């Protein structure tokens, strides 16, 4: 793996991709880029592409509007004047321009963390030679986290993408159309199924990608991140190991305060694995399992459902 190969960290939202990306970005000369595909966090300084949907699906057939803006993003080229116009300020974008320029001159590796890019991971890997890390999270843990935040799933935005339906999601079209009337937990179970159907397909097509379970990282964070660093060609040091221990220590809280998901939040990673047991009712767990267990069986076994 090239020492300058850009990295994509993706997976479902609420899969632990932020934590994974932040721990990898502890490595020297890694430039962390937060969610350029996410329309809710649009910063034209980092990326001038307009993403019309959450989970925009990009292929060679519709890449024209995205290829050059994302090339600049991954190449650490800052778009100062679009950012000035959006912010209405001059100094912060100029400061960011200098920072990006310094990272570019020092040959930093871009690390793009973006769950919204999960359906476009194959295109990103092909077009920009990105090393892809896909984080997999247990369906009940995913549903429990979605329930905690009260997030409805954007099925209408998936249905509005003909290429995505054609290539991957057409078997689920009727369910997505009906799901607007479902409760959040049932929506989350379907959303997990959609994302990880695509992930499973990519796992079969691209075995050289890195697929890692959130739970595996959480149980043995120092050892597993050291292995992940090695696979990505990132230097691992005692100082990095100490920071990983600090972020995952049993002395940290088992879960974040209600409504909080700050990127720098430190949790007891081992205890966090099982928070879904408290967040979901027995009936909700049964419904999530019924919908997802066949697909989840590629990633988890029966013991991972123990309550």
Foldseek 3Di string as FASTA:
>chain_A
DDPQAAAEQAAAPVLCLLVLLVLLCVFPQEAEDEACLDPVPDAVQLFVADNPFQLRADDPVPCPRPQVRVVCNQLLQTDQPVNCVVVVDRPVSVVSRVVSVVSNVVSGGYYYYHHSCLNHVVVCCVRRVHAYEYEAEDLLLQLLVCVLQVDADDLVRQVVDVVSCVPANVVCNVVSVVCVPPGSLLRSLVVNVRSVSSVVVCCVVPVLHHYYYLQVCLVPVLVVVVVVCVSVVTDDDPVSSVVSCQQQPPVADQDDPRPDDDSSHRHNSNSVSPVSVVRDDPVSLVSSCVSCVVSCVVPDDPVSSDD
